[in-house]
Amino acid sequence: YYLRSGKCLMCQEGQYSDHWGATSCLTCPAGTYEPDKTATSYAGCILCPVGSFSPVPGRGSCELCHPYHSCPHGAIQPQVVVHDLASTLRKEAVQPIKGENH
């Protein structure tokens, strides 16, 4: 909560107030979220879980990771998962077949 014009107001999602009598709320950083409008410290900003991300500060929720991307715990943006199919195929092609005596 924070004070404005003598009124006690609730912070918005993605924000917290760390002391009584604050005149504004502080914003949770990118990679975190605060859904309940009840955080009273930075510790109330929850890291986005694996498989999600939060690209900007002050979010009330995290976004789901995009297909073919990786989003670790606390991700700010999805990371493209690069899979080199040609390299994989070359490696498999040169592996000896089990049971052959060459």
Protein backbone atom coordinates (compact mmCIF):
# COMPACT_ATOMS: atom_id res chain seq x y z
CA TYR A 1 0.00 0.00 0.00
CA TYR A 2 1.04 3.61 -0.47
CA LEU A 3 -0.32 7.05 0.42
CA ARG A 4 -1.70 9.51 -2.10
CA SER A 5 -3.63 12.63 -1.07
CA GLY A 6 -4.03 11.22 2.41
CA LYS A 7 -5.56 7.97 1.16
CA CYS A 8 -4.05 4.53 1.51
CA LEU A 9 -4.05 2.89 -1.93
CA MET A 10 -3.14 -0.63 -3.01
CA CYS A 11 -0.15 -1.08 -5.32
CA GLN A 12 -0.83 -2.50 -8.77
CA GLU A 13 0.16 -6.00 -9.93
CA GLY A 14 3.91 -6.16 -10.47
CA GLN A 15 4.60 -3.60 -7.74
CA TYR A 16 5.35 -3.58 -4.02
CA SER A 17 5.62 -1.11 -1.18
CA ASP A 18 8.50 -1.72 1.21
CA HIS A 19 7.65 0.66 4.05
CA TRP A 20 4.69 2.17 5.86
CA GLY A 21 3.81 5.64 4.61
CA ALA A 22 5.41 5.23 1.19
CA THR A 23 4.18 7.76 -1.35
CA SER A 24 4.66 5.43 -4.31
CA CYS A 25 5.13 1.78 -5.13
CA LEU A 26 8.30 0.15 -6.39
CA THR A 27 8.30 -1.98 -9.54
CA CYS A 28 9.27 -5.65 -9.68
CA PRO A 29 12.07 -6.21 -12.23
CA ALA A 30 11.84 -8.04 -15.56
CA GLY A 31 12.03 -11.80 -15.09
CA THR A 32 9.66 -11.58 -12.11
CA TYR A 33 5.96 -11.06 -11.41
CA GLU A 34 3.74 -10.09 -8.49
CA PRO A 35 0.11 -11.17 -9.01
CA ASP A 36 -1.58 -10.35 -5.70
CA LYS A 37 -0.92 -6.62 -5.18
CA THR A 38 0.15 -7.51 -1.63
CA ALA A 39 3.97 -7.64 -1.74
CA THR A 40 5.65 -5.67 1.03
CA SER A 41 9.25 -6.14 -0.16
CA TYR A 42 11.39 -7.01 -3.15
CA ALA A 43 11.15 -10.63 -1.95
CA GLY A 44 7.47 -10.52 -2.99
CA CYS A 45 8.55 -10.32 -6.64
CA ILE A 46 8.42 -13.95 -7.74
CA LEU A 47 10.86 -15.28 -10.34
CA CYS A 48 9.09 -16.54 -13.44
CA PRO A 49 8.99 -20.34 -13.38
CA VAL A 50 10.81 -22.49 -15.92
CA GLY A 51 8.92 -22.37 -19.23
CA SER A 52 7.85 -18.75 -18.88
CA PHE A 53 9.34 -15.24 -19.04
CA SER A 54 8.64 -11.60 -18.18
CA PRO A 55 10.21 -9.16 -20.65
CA VAL A 56 9.45 -5.90 -18.85
CA PRO A 57 9.32 -4.72 -15.23
CA GLY A 58 6.05 -4.47 -13.35
CA ARG A 59 4.25 -7.58 -14.55
CA GLY A 60 1.41 -9.35 -12.77
CA SER A 61 2.11 -12.61 -14.60
CA CYS A 62 4.68 -14.29 -16.81
CA GLU A 63 4.22 -15.22 -20.47
CA LEU A 64 4.53 -18.79 -21.69
CA CYS A 65 7.76 -19.57 -23.48
CA HIS A 66 7.54 -19.71 -27.28
CA PRO A 67 7.81 -23.02 -29.15
CA TYR A 68 11.42 -24.02 -29.93
CA HIS A 69 12.69 -21.66 -27.22
CA SER A 70 14.11 -22.15 -23.75
CA CYS A 71 12.98 -20.13 -20.73
CA PRO A 72 14.93 -20.89 -17.54
CA HIS A 73 13.82 -19.80 -14.07
CA GLY A 74 13.62 -15.98 -13.98
CA ALA A 75 13.86 -15.55 -17.76
CA ILE A 76 13.58 -12.06 -19.21
CA GLN A 77 13.25 -13.27 -22.79
CA PRO A 78 13.03 -16.66 -24.52
CA GLN A 79 16.26 -18.10 -25.87
CA VAL A 80 16.14 -19.79 -29.28
CA VAL A 81 17.04 -23.44 -29.07
CA VAL A 82 19.36 -24.07 -31.99
CA HIS A 83 19.38 -27.61 -33.21
CA ASP A 84 21.82 -28.32 -36.01
CA LEU A 85 20.06 -31.18 -37.78
CA ALA A 86 22.73 -31.45 -40.48
CA SER A 87 25.47 -31.90 -37.87
CA THR A 88 23.41 -34.50 -36.00
CA LEU A 89 22.80 -36.44 -39.21
CA ARG A 90 26.53 -36.37 -40.09
CA LYS A 91 27.44 -37.72 -36.64
CA GLU A 92 24.88 -40.51 -36.91
CA ALA A 93 26.04 -41.38 -40.45
CA VAL A 94 29.64 -42.03 -39.35
CA GLN A 95 28.76 -44.16 -36.33
CA PRO A 96 29.52 -47.86 -36.92
CA ILE A 97 26.54 -50.15 -36.92
CA LYS A 98 26.54 -52.40 -33.87
CA GLY A 99 27.61 -55.93 -34.66
CA GLU A 100 29.75 -55.06 -37.69
CA ASN A 101 33.42 -55.96 -37.57
CA HIS A 102 35.09 -53.26 -39.67
